[in-house]
Amino acid sequence: MFVVSFILGKVLVANYSKNTAISFTATGNNFELAIAVAIGIFSINSGQVSAGVIGPLVEVPTLILLVDVAFWFKRKWYGKEEGLVTS
């Protein structure tokens, strides 16, 4: 979702700041809602709820990795726009 959103933002000529914000919003959207719905449907003691709670624990390291991806995209596609030297 992150990469697709980032590429789509670049195609639509979004600057780096807006493109990064859109991509992270698309990636991290609705985790809390998914946990609440799982609790409401399956009860608090179900495996689905356990999986929903573990999901955000995986989300944080994943988002940190995506920060590195965003910096890579910045160097690759936005270097001159942001005043960076590209090789």
N, C-alpha and C. Protein backbone atom coordinates (compact mmCIF):
# COMPACT_ATOMS: atom_id res chain seq x y z
N MET A 1 0.83 -1.19 0.00
CA MET A 1 0.00 0.00 0.00
C MET A 1 0.88 1.26 0.00
N PHE A 2 1.97 1.21 0.77
CA PHE A 2 2.86 2.36 0.85
C PHE A 2 3.47 2.69 -0.50
N VAL A 3 4.04 1.69 -1.15
CA VAL A 3 4.73 1.91 -2.42
C VAL A 3 3.74 2.33 -3.50
N VAL A 4 2.58 1.69 -3.54
CA VAL A 4 1.56 2.06 -4.53
C VAL A 4 1.13 3.51 -4.32
N SER A 5 0.88 3.90 -3.07
CA SER A 5 0.49 5.28 -2.78
C SER A 5 1.59 6.26 -3.15
N PHE A 6 2.85 5.89 -2.86
CA PHE A 6 3.96 6.78 -3.17
C PHE A 6 4.11 6.97 -4.67
N ILE A 7 4.01 5.88 -5.42
CA ILE A 7 4.13 5.97 -6.88
C ILE A 7 2.98 6.78 -7.45
N LEU A 8 1.77 6.53 -6.96
CA LEU A 8 0.61 7.28 -7.43
C LEU A 8 0.76 8.78 -7.13
N GLY A 9 1.26 9.11 -5.95
CA GLY A 9 1.50 10.52 -5.61
C GLY A 9 2.52 11.16 -6.52
N LYS A 10 3.56 10.41 -6.87
CA LYS A 10 4.58 10.94 -7.78
C LYS A 10 4.00 11.16 -9.17
N VAL A 11 3.17 10.22 -9.63
CA VAL A 11 2.54 10.36 -10.94
C VAL A 11 1.62 11.58 -10.95
N LEU A 12 0.95 11.83 -9.83
CA LEU A 12 0.04 12.98 -9.74
C LEU A 12 0.76 14.27 -9.36
N VAL A 13 2.09 14.26 -9.35
CA VAL A 13 2.96 15.41 -9.15
C VAL A 13 2.80 16.03 -7.75
N ALA A 14 2.70 15.17 -6.74
CA ALA A 14 2.70 15.67 -5.36
C ALA A 14 4.15 15.90 -4.93
N ASN A 15 4.37 16.94 -4.12
CA ASN A 15 5.73 17.15 -3.62
C ASN A 15 6.05 16.08 -2.57
N TYR A 16 7.30 16.02 -2.15
CA TYR A 16 7.74 14.95 -1.27
C TYR A 16 6.98 14.94 0.06
N SER A 17 6.79 16.09 0.66
CA SER A 17 6.13 16.17 1.96
C SER A 17 4.70 15.64 1.89
N LYS A 18 3.95 16.08 0.91
CA LYS A 18 2.57 15.60 0.77
C LYS A 18 2.53 14.13 0.39
N ASN A 19 3.42 13.72 -0.48
CA ASN A 19 3.44 12.34 -0.93
C ASN A 19 3.75 11.39 0.24
N THR A 20 4.69 11.76 1.08
CA THR A 20 5.02 10.93 2.24
C THR A 20 3.86 10.86 3.22
N ALA A 21 3.23 11.99 3.48
CA ALA A 21 2.08 12.00 4.39
C ALA A 21 0.94 11.13 3.87
N ILE A 22 0.65 11.22 2.60
CA ILE A 22 -0.41 10.40 2.00
C ILE A 22 -0.06 8.92 2.09
N SER A 23 1.18 8.57 1.80
CA SER A 23 1.59 7.17 1.80
C SER A 23 1.53 6.55 3.19
N PHE A 24 2.00 7.28 4.20
CA PHE A 24 1.94 6.75 5.57
C PHE A 24 0.50 6.68 6.07
N THR A 25 -0.34 7.62 5.70
CA THR A 25 -1.74 7.56 6.09
C THR A 25 -2.42 6.35 5.46
N ALA A 26 -2.15 6.10 4.20
CA ALA A 26 -2.74 4.93 3.53
C ALA A 26 -2.25 3.63 4.14
N THR A 27 -1.00 3.60 4.59
CA THR A 27 -0.42 2.38 5.14
C THR A 27 -0.94 2.07 6.53
N GLY A 28 -1.00 3.05 7.40
CA GLY A 28 -1.34 2.81 8.80
C GLY A 28 -2.80 3.02 9.13
N ASN A 29 -3.65 3.03 8.15
CA ASN A 29 -5.05 3.35 8.36
C ASN A 29 -5.83 2.18 8.93
N ASN A 30 -6.69 2.46 9.91
CA ASN A 30 -7.73 1.55 10.41
C ASN A 30 -7.25 0.39 11.27
N PHE A 31 -6.06 0.37 11.83
CA PHE A 31 -5.66 -0.70 12.72
C PHE A 31 -6.51 -0.72 13.98
N GLU A 32 -6.73 0.44 14.56
CA GLU A 32 -7.51 0.50 15.79
C GLU A 32 -8.96 0.09 15.54
N LEU A 33 -9.51 0.50 14.43
CA LEU A 33 -10.87 0.11 14.08
C LEU A 33 -10.97 -1.40 13.88
N ALA A 34 -9.98 -2.00 13.28
CA ALA A 34 -9.98 -3.45 13.07
C ALA A 34 -9.99 -4.19 14.41
N ILE A 35 -9.26 -3.71 15.40
CA ILE A 35 -9.24 -4.34 16.72
C ILE A 35 -10.62 -4.23 17.37
N ALA A 36 -11.22 -3.05 17.30
CA ALA A 36 -12.54 -2.86 17.91
C ALA A 36 -13.60 -3.74 17.25
N VAL A 37 -13.56 -3.85 15.95
CA VAL A 37 -14.53 -4.69 15.24
C VAL A 37 -14.31 -6.16 15.59
N ALA A 38 -13.06 -6.59 15.67
CA ALA A 38 -12.78 -7.99 16.03
C ALA A 38 -13.29 -8.32 17.43
N ILE A 39 -13.10 -7.41 18.37
CA ILE A 39 -13.60 -7.63 19.73
C ILE A 39 -15.13 -7.68 19.71
N GLY A 40 -15.74 -6.78 18.97
CA GLY A 40 -17.21 -6.75 18.91
C GLY A 40 -17.81 -7.98 18.27
N ILE A 41 -17.15 -8.53 17.28
CA ILE A 41 -17.71 -9.68 16.55
C ILE A 41 -17.34 -11.01 17.21
N PHE A 42 -16.08 -11.17 17.60
CA PHE A 42 -15.60 -12.49 18.03
C PHE A 42 -15.46 -12.65 19.53
N SER A 43 -15.61 -11.62 20.33
CA SER A 43 -15.43 -11.58 21.79
C SER A 43 -13.96 -11.40 22.13
N ILE A 44 -13.72 -11.00 23.36
CA ILE A 44 -12.38 -10.61 23.78
C ILE A 44 -11.40 -11.79 23.85
N ASN A 45 -11.89 -13.02 23.99
CA ASN A 45 -11.01 -14.17 24.19
C ASN A 45 -10.71 -14.96 22.91
N SER A 46 -11.03 -14.43 21.76
CA SER A 46 -10.86 -15.18 20.53
C SER A 46 -9.46 -15.00 19.93
N GLY A 47 -9.11 -15.91 19.04
CA GLY A 47 -7.83 -15.82 18.35
C GLY A 47 -7.77 -14.63 17.40
N GLN A 48 -8.91 -14.25 16.85
CA GLN A 48 -8.94 -13.11 15.92
C GLN A 48 -8.56 -11.82 16.65
N VAL A 49 -9.03 -11.69 17.88
CA VAL A 49 -8.68 -10.50 18.65
C VAL A 49 -7.19 -10.51 19.00
N SER A 50 -6.67 -11.68 19.35
CA SER A 50 -5.23 -11.79 19.65
C SER A 50 -4.41 -11.37 18.43
N ALA A 51 -4.82 -11.84 17.26
CA ALA A 51 -4.11 -11.46 16.03
C ALA A 51 -4.22 -9.96 15.79
N GLY A 52 -5.40 -9.39 16.08
CA GLY A 52 -5.58 -7.96 15.90
C GLY A 52 -4.74 -7.13 16.84
N VAL A 53 -4.49 -7.64 18.04
CA VAL A 53 -3.66 -6.92 19.01
C VAL A 53 -2.18 -7.05 18.65
N ILE A 54 -1.78 -8.19 18.13
CA ILE A 54 -0.38 -8.39 17.75
C ILE A 54 -0.04 -7.58 16.50
N GLY A 55 -1.03 -7.32 15.66
CA GLY A 55 -0.81 -6.55 14.44
C GLY A 55 -0.11 -5.22 14.67
N PRO A 56 -0.61 -4.38 15.60
CA PRO A 56 0.10 -3.11 15.84
C PRO A 56 1.51 -3.28 16.38
N LEU A 57 1.79 -4.40 17.06
CA LEU A 57 3.15 -4.65 17.52
C LEU A 57 4.09 -4.89 16.35
N VAL A 58 3.56 -5.42 15.27
CA VAL A 58 4.34 -5.62 14.05
C VAL A 58 4.37 -4.32 13.24
N GLU A 59 3.33 -3.51 13.40
CA GLU A 59 3.20 -2.28 12.61
C GLU A 59 4.34 -1.30 12.87
N VAL A 60 4.75 -1.14 14.11
CA VAL A 60 5.76 -0.14 14.45
C VAL A 60 7.09 -0.42 13.75
N PRO A 61 7.66 -1.64 13.87
CA PRO A 61 8.91 -1.88 13.13
C PRO A 61 8.74 -1.77 11.62
N THR A 62 7.57 -2.14 11.13
CA THR A 62 7.31 -2.04 9.69
C THR A 62 7.30 -0.58 9.25
N LEU A 63 6.67 0.29 10.02
CA LEU A 63 6.64 1.71 9.67
C LEU A 63 8.03 2.34 9.75
N ILE A 64 8.85 1.87 10.68
CA ILE A 64 10.24 2.36 10.75
C ILE A 64 10.99 1.96 9.48
N LEU A 65 10.76 0.74 9.01
CA LEU A 65 11.37 0.31 7.75
C LEU A 65 10.86 1.17 6.59
N LEU A 66 9.59 1.52 6.61
CA LEU A 66 9.03 2.34 5.53
C LEU A 66 9.59 3.76 5.55
N VAL A 67 10.04 4.23 6.69
CA VAL A 67 10.72 5.53 6.74
C VAL A 67 11.99 5.47 5.89
N ASP A 68 12.72 4.36 5.99
CA ASP A 68 13.91 4.18 5.15
C ASP A 68 13.53 4.15 3.67
N VAL A 69 12.42 3.49 3.35
CA VAL A 69 11.95 3.44 1.96
C VAL A 69 11.60 4.84 1.48
N ALA A 70 10.94 5.64 2.34
CA ALA A 70 10.58 7.01 1.97
C ALA A 70 11.83 7.86 1.71
N PHE A 71 12.86 7.68 2.54
CA PHE A 71 14.11 8.41 2.31
C PHE A 71 14.76 7.97 1.01
N TRP A 72 14.68 6.67 0.68
CA TRP A 72 15.22 6.19 -0.59
C TRP A 72 14.49 6.83 -1.76
N PHE A 73 13.14 6.88 -1.68
CA PHE A 73 12.36 7.54 -2.73
C PHE A 73 12.74 9.02 -2.83
N LYS A 74 12.99 9.65 -1.68
CA LYS A 74 13.36 11.07 -1.70
C LYS A 74 14.67 11.27 -2.46
N ARG A 75 15.66 10.42 -2.17
CA ARG A 75 16.94 10.53 -2.88
C ARG A 75 16.78 10.22 -4.36
N LYS A 76 15.95 9.23 -4.69
CA LYS A 76 15.82 8.78 -6.07
C LYS A 76 14.99 9.75 -6.92
N TRP A 77 13.86 10.23 -6.38
CA TRP A 77 12.91 11.01 -7.19
C TRP A 77 12.84 12.49 -6.85
N TYR A 78 13.22 12.89 -5.65
CA TYR A 78 13.02 14.27 -5.24
C TYR A 78 14.33 14.97 -4.88
N GLY A 79 15.46 14.40 -5.19
CA GLY A 79 16.74 14.96 -4.79
C GLY A 79 16.96 16.39 -5.22
N LYS A 80 16.73 16.69 -6.48
CA LYS A 80 16.95 18.04 -6.99
C LYS A 80 15.90 19.01 -6.47
N GLU A 81 14.67 18.54 -6.32
CA GLU A 81 13.59 19.41 -5.83
C GLU A 81 13.84 19.84 -4.39
N GLU A 82 14.38 18.95 -3.56
CA GLU A 82 14.59 19.23 -2.16
C GLU A 82 15.99 19.78 -1.88
N GLY A 83 16.79 19.99 -2.93
CA GLY A 83 18.11 20.55 -2.75
C GLY A 83 19.17 19.53 -2.36
N LEU A 84 18.89 18.24 -2.55
CA LEU A 84 19.87 17.21 -2.23
C LEU A 84 20.75 16.92 -3.44
N VAL A 85 21.95 16.48 -3.16
CA VAL A 85 22.85 16.08 -4.23
C VAL A 85 22.58 14.61 -4.54
N THR A 86 22.34 14.30 -5.80
CA THR A 86 22.10 12.91 -6.20
C THR A 86 23.27 12.40 -6.99
N SER A 87 23.51 11.13 -6.90
CA SER A 87 24.63 10.55 -7.64
C SER A 87 24.18 9.89 -8.91
